[in-house]
């Protein structure tokens, strides 16, 4: 994920809006490795394609 441009990364609150989850749940999913993300300082960042992949996987379960 290091090659991703910073302007293409979403914040946890943006991902929370997309997934209709609280931001704390998005961070929990990232910490558990269920949603791919990267921690930059004290903030989590996510690629849209990783969020979309998570949505598709979650829909199957």
Protein backbone atom coordinates (compact mmCIF):
# COMPACT_ATOMS: atom_id res chain seq x y z
CA UNK A 1 0.00 0.00 0.00
CA UNK A 2 3.02 2.29 0.23
CA UNK A 3 2.79 2.99 -3.49
CA UNK A 4 -0.70 4.46 -3.16
CA UNK A 5 -0.87 8.21 -3.60
CA UNK A 6 -1.89 10.02 -0.45
CA UNK A 7 -4.68 11.87 -2.25
CA UNK A 8 -6.24 8.53 -3.23
CA UNK A 9 -6.57 7.39 0.37
CA UNK A 10 -9.78 7.62 2.37
CA UNK A 11 -10.04 8.51 6.04
CA UNK A 12 -11.80 6.17 8.46
CA UNK A 13 -14.82 8.50 8.68
CA UNK A 14 -15.17 8.38 4.87
CA UNK A 15 -15.01 4.59 4.92
CA UNK A 16 -17.52 4.52 7.77
CA UNK A 17 -19.93 6.50 5.61
CA UNK A 18 -19.46 4.12 2.67
CA UNK A 19 -19.91 1.00 4.81
CA UNK A 20 -22.63 2.54 7.02
CA UNK A 21 -20.62 1.74 10.15
CA UNK A 22 -19.30 3.84 13.03
CA UNK A 23 -15.69 5.01 12.47
CA UNK A 24 -14.57 3.00 15.51
CA UNK A 25 -15.84 -0.18 13.82
CA UNK A 26 -13.83 0.64 10.69
CA UNK A 27 -10.70 1.03 12.80
CA UNK A 28 -11.48 -2.23 14.61
CA UNK A 29 -11.78 -4.06 11.26
CA UNK A 30 -8.44 -2.61 10.16
CA UNK A 31 -6.70 -3.62 13.39
CA UNK A 32 -8.05 -7.17 13.07
CA UNK A 33 -6.88 -7.39 9.44
CA UNK A 34 -10.38 -7.78 8.03
CA UNK A 35 -10.21 -4.44 6.18
CA UNK A 36 -6.92 -3.53 4.58
CA UNK A 37 -5.59 -0.15 5.63
CA UNK A 38 -2.46 1.65 6.71
CA UNK A 39 -1.84 3.68 9.82
CA UNK A 40 -0.24 7.07 9.17
CA UNK A 41 0.66 8.55 12.52
CA UNK A 42 -2.48 8.29 14.61
CA UNK A 43 -4.84 8.04 11.61
CA UNK A 44 -5.94 5.09 9.52
CA UNK A 45 -6.12 5.45 5.72
CA UNK A 46 -7.80 3.16 3.21
CA UNK A 47 -7.85 2.65 -0.55
CA UNK A 48 -11.27 2.69 -2.18
CA UNK A 49 -10.58 -0.60 -3.93
CA UNK A 50 -9.83 -2.28 -0.58
CA UNK A 51 -13.09 -0.92 0.84
CA UNK A 52 -14.99 -2.20 -2.22
CA UNK A 53 -13.32 -5.60 -1.86
CA UNK A 54 -14.35 -5.74 1.80
CA UNK A 55 -17.95 -4.86 0.85
CA UNK A 56 -18.11 -7.69 -1.70
CA UNK A 57 -16.66 -10.20 0.78
CA UNK A 58 -19.01 -9.07 3.55
CA UNK A 59 -22.02 -9.38 1.24
CA UNK A 60 -21.19 -13.05 0.62
CA UNK A 61 -21.13 -13.86 4.35
